[in-house]
C-alpha atoms as a PDB file:
ATOM      1  CA  MET A   1     105.595  97.002 117.265  1.00  0.00           C
ATOM      2  CA  GLU A   2     105.190  93.971 115.701  1.00  0.00           C
ATOM      3  CA  THR A   3     104.975  93.318 111.912  1.00  0.00           C
ATOM      4  CA  ARG A   4     103.366  90.155 110.345  1.00  0.00           C
ATOM      5  CA  LYS A   5     101.345  88.562 107.568  1.00  0.00           C
ATOM      6  CA  ILE A   6      97.892  89.704 107.175  1.00  0.00           C
ATOM      7  CA  THR A   7      95.113  87.568 108.126  1.00  0.00           C
ATOM      8  CA  LYS A   8      91.304  87.463 107.257  1.00  0.00           C
ATOM      9  CA  ASP A   9      90.572  89.243 110.692  1.00  0.00           C
ATOM     10  CA  ASP A  10      92.856  92.056 109.882  1.00  0.00           C
ATOM     11  CA  PHE A  11      91.471  92.241 106.637  1.00  0.00           C
ATOM     12  CA  ASP A  12      87.944  92.835 108.031  1.00  0.00           C
ATOM     13  CA  GLU A  13      89.239  95.296 110.552  1.00  0.00           C
ATOM     14  CA  ILE A  14      90.964  97.396 107.774  1.00  0.00           C
ATOM     15  CA  VAL A  15      88.032  97.577 105.850  1.00  0.00           C
ATOM     16  CA  GLU A  16      86.145  98.705 108.871  1.00  0.00           C
ATOM     17  CA  VAL A  17      88.795 101.561 109.608  1.00  0.00           C
ATOM     18  CA  ILE A  18      90.344 102.670 106.427  1.00  0.00           C
ATOM     19  CA  ASP A  19      87.811 105.541 105.671  1.00  0.00           C
ATOM     20  CA  ARG A  20      88.277 107.097 109.327  1.00  0.00           C
ATOM     21  CA  TRP A  21      92.285 106.577 108.796  1.00  0.00           C
ATOM     22  CA  TRP A  22      92.293 108.321 105.453  1.00  0.00           C
ATOM     23  CA  GLY A  23      89.831 110.811 106.285  1.00  0.00           C
ATOM     24  CA  GLY A  24      87.366 109.965 103.339  1.00  0.00           C
ATOM     25  CA  PRO A  25      86.053 107.260 100.982  1.00  0.00           C
ATOM     26  CA  ILE A  26      88.850 104.859 100.127  1.00  0.00           C
ATOM     27  CA  SER A  27      87.828 101.471 101.229  1.00  0.00           C
ATOM     28  CA  THR A  28      86.950 100.249  97.728  1.00  0.00           C
ATOM     29  CA  PHE A  29      90.830 100.293  97.069  1.00  0.00           C
ATOM     30  CA  ALA A  30      90.784  97.742  99.734  1.00  0.00           C
ATOM     31  CA  HIS A  31      89.409  95.220  97.556  1.00  0.00           C
ATOM     32  CA  PRO A  32      89.042  91.620  98.756  1.00  0.00           C
ATOM     33  CA  ILE A  33      91.466  90.524  95.956  1.00  0.00           C
ATOM     34  CA  PHE A  34      94.214  92.153  97.912  1.00  0.00           C
ATOM     35  CA  PHE A  35      93.653  89.710 100.740  1.00  0.00           C
ATOM     36  CA  TRP A  36      92.165  86.296  98.944  1.00  0.00           C
ATOM     37  CA  GLU A  37      94.055  86.523  95.714  1.00  0.00           C
ATOM     38  CA  LEU A  38      97.183  88.876  96.244  1.00  0.00           C
ATOM     39  CA  GLY A  39      97.598  88.815 100.144  1.00  0.00           C
ATOM     40  CA  ASP A  40     100.429  86.480 100.534  1.00  0.00           C
ATOM     41  CA  ASN A  41     102.856  89.391 101.027  1.00  0.00           C
ATOM     42  CA  ALA A  42     100.483  91.993 102.595  1.00  0.00           C
ATOM     43  CA  LEU A  43     101.610  92.986 106.006  1.00  0.00           C
ATOM     44  CA  VAL A  44     100.074  94.719 109.183  1.00  0.00           C
ATOM     45  CA  VAL A  45     101.683  96.183 112.388  1.00  0.00           C
ATOM     46  CA  GLU A  46     100.556  95.875 115.675  1.00  0.00           C
ATOM     47  CA  ASP A  47     101.121  97.599 118.976  1.00  0.00           C
ATOM     48  CA  ASP A  48     100.024  95.807 121.932  1.00  0.00           C
ATOM     49  CA  GLY A  49      98.056  93.812 120.131  1.00  0.00           C
ATOM     50  CA  GLN A  50      96.153  96.720 118.345  1.00  0.00           C
ATOM     51  CA  LEU A  51      96.291  97.191 114.398  1.00  0.00           C
ATOM     52  CA  ILE A  52      98.092 100.280 113.727  1.00  0.00           C
ATOM     53  CA  GLY A  53      98.968  99.880 110.346  1.00  0.00           C
ATOM     54  CA  PHE A  54      98.911  97.764 107.034  1.00  0.00           C
ATOM     55  CA  LEU A  55     100.515  97.503 103.451  1.00  0.00           C
ATOM     56  CA  LEU A  56      98.448  95.867 100.860  1.00  0.00           C
ATOM     57  CA  GLY A  57     101.172  94.749  98.261  1.00  0.00           C
ATOM     58  CA  PHE A  58     101.824  91.986  95.882  1.00  0.00           C
ATOM     59  CA  ILE A  59     104.583  90.631  93.290  1.00  0.00           C
ATOM     60  CA  VAL A  60     104.333  91.583  89.674  1.00  0.00           C
ATOM     61  CA  PHE A  61     106.015  88.625  87.732  1.00  0.00           C
ATOM     62  CA  LYS A  62     105.935  90.310  84.667  1.00  0.00           C
ATOM     63  CA  ALA A  63     109.565  91.495  83.776  1.00  0.00           C
ATOM     64  CA  PRO A  64     111.216  93.332  85.619  1.00  0.00           C
ATOM     65  CA  LYS A  65     109.876  91.266  88.564  1.00  0.00           C
ATOM     66  CA  THR A  66     108.330  94.004  90.890  1.00  0.00           C
ATOM     67  CA  GLY A  67     106.944  94.375  94.396  1.00  0.00           C
ATOM     68  CA  TYR A  68     103.823  96.477  94.099  1.00  0.00           C
ATOM     69  CA  VAL A  69     102.733  98.780  96.825  1.00  0.00           C
ATOM     70  CA  HIS A  70      98.969  99.099  96.484  1.00  0.00           C
ATOM     71  CA  LEU A  71      97.630 100.572  99.460  1.00  0.00           C
ATOM     72  CA  VAL A  72      99.116 101.550 102.980  1.00  0.00           C
ATOM     73  CA  GLY A  73      97.229 102.865 106.000  1.00  0.00           C
ATOM     74  CA  ILE A  74      98.503 104.195 109.543  1.00  0.00           C
ATOM     75  CA  HIS A  75      96.305 104.668 112.374  1.00  0.00           C
ATOM     76  CA  PRO A  76      96.129 108.646 112.845  1.00  0.00           C
ATOM     77  CA  ASP A  77      97.394 108.437 116.457  1.00  0.00           C
ATOM     78  CA  HIS A  78     100.668 106.338 115.268  1.00  0.00           C
ATOM     79  CA  ARG A  79     101.682 108.608 112.034  1.00  0.00           C
ATOM     80  CA  ARG A  80     105.023 109.927 111.946  1.00  0.00           C
ATOM     81  CA  LYS A  81     106.399 107.308 114.224  1.00  0.00           C
ATOM     82  CA  GLY A  82     108.049 104.888 111.738  1.00  0.00           C
ATOM     83  CA  VAL A  83     105.381 102.657 111.081  1.00  0.00           C
ATOM     84  CA  GLY A  84     105.330 103.375 107.328  1.00  0.00           C
ATOM     85  CA  ARG A  85     108.891 102.918 107.285  1.00  0.00           C
ATOM     86  CA  VAL A  86     108.685  99.734 109.245  1.00  0.00           C
ATOM     87  CA  LEU A  87     106.099  98.175 106.607  1.00  0.00           C
ATOM     88  CA  TYR A  88     108.000  99.512 103.614  1.00  0.00           C
ATOM     89  CA  GLU A  89     111.161  97.778 104.880  1.00  0.00           C
ATOM     90  CA  LYS A  90     109.714  94.470 105.649  1.00  0.00           C
ATOM     91  CA  PHE A  91     107.633  94.311 102.367  1.00  0.00           C
ATOM     92  CA  SER A  92     110.953  95.292 100.519  1.00  0.00           C
ATOM     93  CA  GLU A  93     112.975  92.600 102.258  1.00  0.00           C
ATOM     94  CA  ARG A  94     110.471  90.090 101.434  1.00  0.00           C
ATOM     95  CA  CYS A  95     110.283  91.247  97.532  1.00  0.00           C
ATOM     96  CA  GLU A  96     113.800  90.984  97.478  1.00  0.00           C
ATOM     97  CA  ALA A  97     114.038  87.587  98.792  1.00  0.00           C
ATOM     98  CA  LEU A  98     111.667  86.493  96.266  1.00  0.00           C
ATOM     99  CA  GLY A  99     113.801  87.931  93.502  1.00  0.00           C
ATOM    100  CA  CYS A 100     112.073  91.049  92.815  1.00  0.00           C
ATOM    101  CA  VAL A 101     114.569  93.857  91.166  1.00  0.00           C
ATOM    102  CA  ARG A 102     112.626  96.806  91.983  1.00  0.00           C
ATOM    103  CA  MET A 103     109.711  98.180  93.850  1.00  0.00           C
ATOM    104  CA  LYS A 104     107.057 100.448  92.637  1.00  0.00           C
ATOM    105  CA  ALA A 105     103.908 102.559  93.983  1.00  0.00           C
ATOM    106  CA  ILE A 106     101.713 105.157  92.540  1.00  0.00           C
ATOM    107  CA  THR A 107      99.782 107.934  93.569  1.00  0.00           C
ATOM    108  CA  THR A 108      97.888 111.183  92.364  1.00  0.00           C
ATOM    109  CA  PRO A 109      99.866 114.479  91.935  1.00  0.00           C
ATOM    110  CA  GLY A 110      98.413 116.113  94.906  1.00  0.00           C
ATOM    111  CA  ASN A 111      99.198 113.758  97.574  1.00  0.00           C
ATOM    112  CA  GLU A 112     101.880 115.585  98.889  1.00  0.00           C
ATOM    113  CA  GLY A 113     102.025 113.353 101.987  1.00  0.00           C
ATOM    114  CA  SER A 114     102.719 110.133  99.926  1.00  0.00           C
ATOM    115  CA  ILE A 115     105.145 111.969  97.626  1.00  0.00           C
ATOM    116  CA  ARG A 116     107.245 113.251 100.654  1.00  0.00           C
ATOM    117  CA  PHE A 117     107.001 109.880 102.270  1.00  0.00           C
ATOM    118  CA  HIS A 118     108.504 107.876  99.361  1.00  0.00           C
ATOM    119  CA  GLU A 119     111.423 110.408  98.581  1.00  0.00           C
ATOM    120  CA  ALA A 120     112.332 110.366 102.282  1.00  0.00           C
ATOM    121  CA  VAL A 121     112.550 106.560 102.241  1.00  0.00           C
ATOM    122  CA  GLY A 122     114.861 106.619  99.130  1.00  0.00           C
ATOM    123  CA  TRP A 123     112.284 106.009  96.254  1.00  0.00           C
ATOM    124  CA  THR A 124     112.573 108.078  92.956  1.00  0.00           C
ATOM    125  CA  SER A 125     109.377 109.515  91.424  1.00  0.00           C
ATOM    126  CA  ASP A 126     108.222 110.493  87.918  1.00  0.00           C
ATOM    127  CA  GLU A 127     104.992 112.101  87.076  1.00  0.00           C
ATOM    128  CA  SER A 128     103.497 110.574  84.011  1.00  0.00           C
ATOM    129  CA  GLU A 129     100.718 112.392  82.089  1.00  0.00           C
ATOM    130  CA  ASP A 130      98.379 109.858  80.795  1.00  0.00           C
ATOM    131  CA  TYR A 131      99.189 106.993  83.248  1.00  0.00           C
ATOM    132  CA  ALA A 132      95.743 106.159  84.249  1.00  0.00           C
ATOM    133  CA  GLY A 133      93.781 107.178  81.172  1.00  0.00           C
ATOM    134  CA  ARG A 134      94.039 110.442  78.950  1.00  0.00           C
ATOM    135  CA  GLY A 135      94.583 113.489  81.154  1.00  0.00           C
ATOM    136  CA  ARG A 136      94.884 111.260  84.385  1.00  0.00           C
ATOM    137  CA  ARG A 137      98.361 112.066  85.745  1.00  0.00           C
ATOM    138  CA  ARG A 138     100.062 109.833  88.543  1.00  0.00           C
ATOM    139  CA  VAL A 139     103.202 109.907  90.098  1.00  0.00           C
ATOM    140  CA  VAL A 140     104.994 106.721  90.011  1.00  0.00           C
ATOM    141  CA  PHE A 141     107.597 105.773  92.510  1.00  0.00           C
ATOM    142  CA  THR A 142     110.233 103.242  91.748  1.00  0.00           C
ATOM    143  CA  ARG A 143     113.232 101.840  94.017  1.00  0.00           C
ATOM    144  CA  ALA A 144     115.859  99.233  92.802  1.00  0.00           C
ATOM    145  CA  LEU A 145     116.585  96.174  94.720  1.00  0.00           C
ATOM    146  CA  ASN A 146     119.183  93.612  95.020  1.00  0.00           C
ATOM    147  CA  PRO A 147     117.367  90.236  94.572  1.00  0.00           C
ATOM    148  CA  LYS A 148     118.661  87.525  96.992  1.00  0.00           C
ATOM    149  CA  SER A 149     117.416  84.654  94.802  1.00  0.00           C
ATOM    150  CA  GLU A 150     114.293  83.507  92.783  1.00  0.00           C
END
């Protein structure tokens, strides 16, 4: 597996495969802003030249400086093989090197796969009742970092 920074060709492929990988309509979450404006830290994983995973994430500069994981996708044939863990490790390392003090991600309460994954890789979770608007609960994941430099 090779992990590297996202390219425009990668983004175009992600938009084409994401609904299939997620098993439903999710492509609107792969908004072009996550490539053009916020893509400096987005990552992909390839295996023998084939895209098998991606992480769309960015840095939030508001205190506390945070690495935010927006969207992750893993090819169905490559799940439970460490692809997600590699993406999270590489993104966390990048965020730490850029001075982030924590990581953050969000999901819906029924997304058990996401909840189990985040807990397995050492993130803490807290359910927030009105996080996404009145009555729209979300599970908020965080993990502390030890920033290396600014």
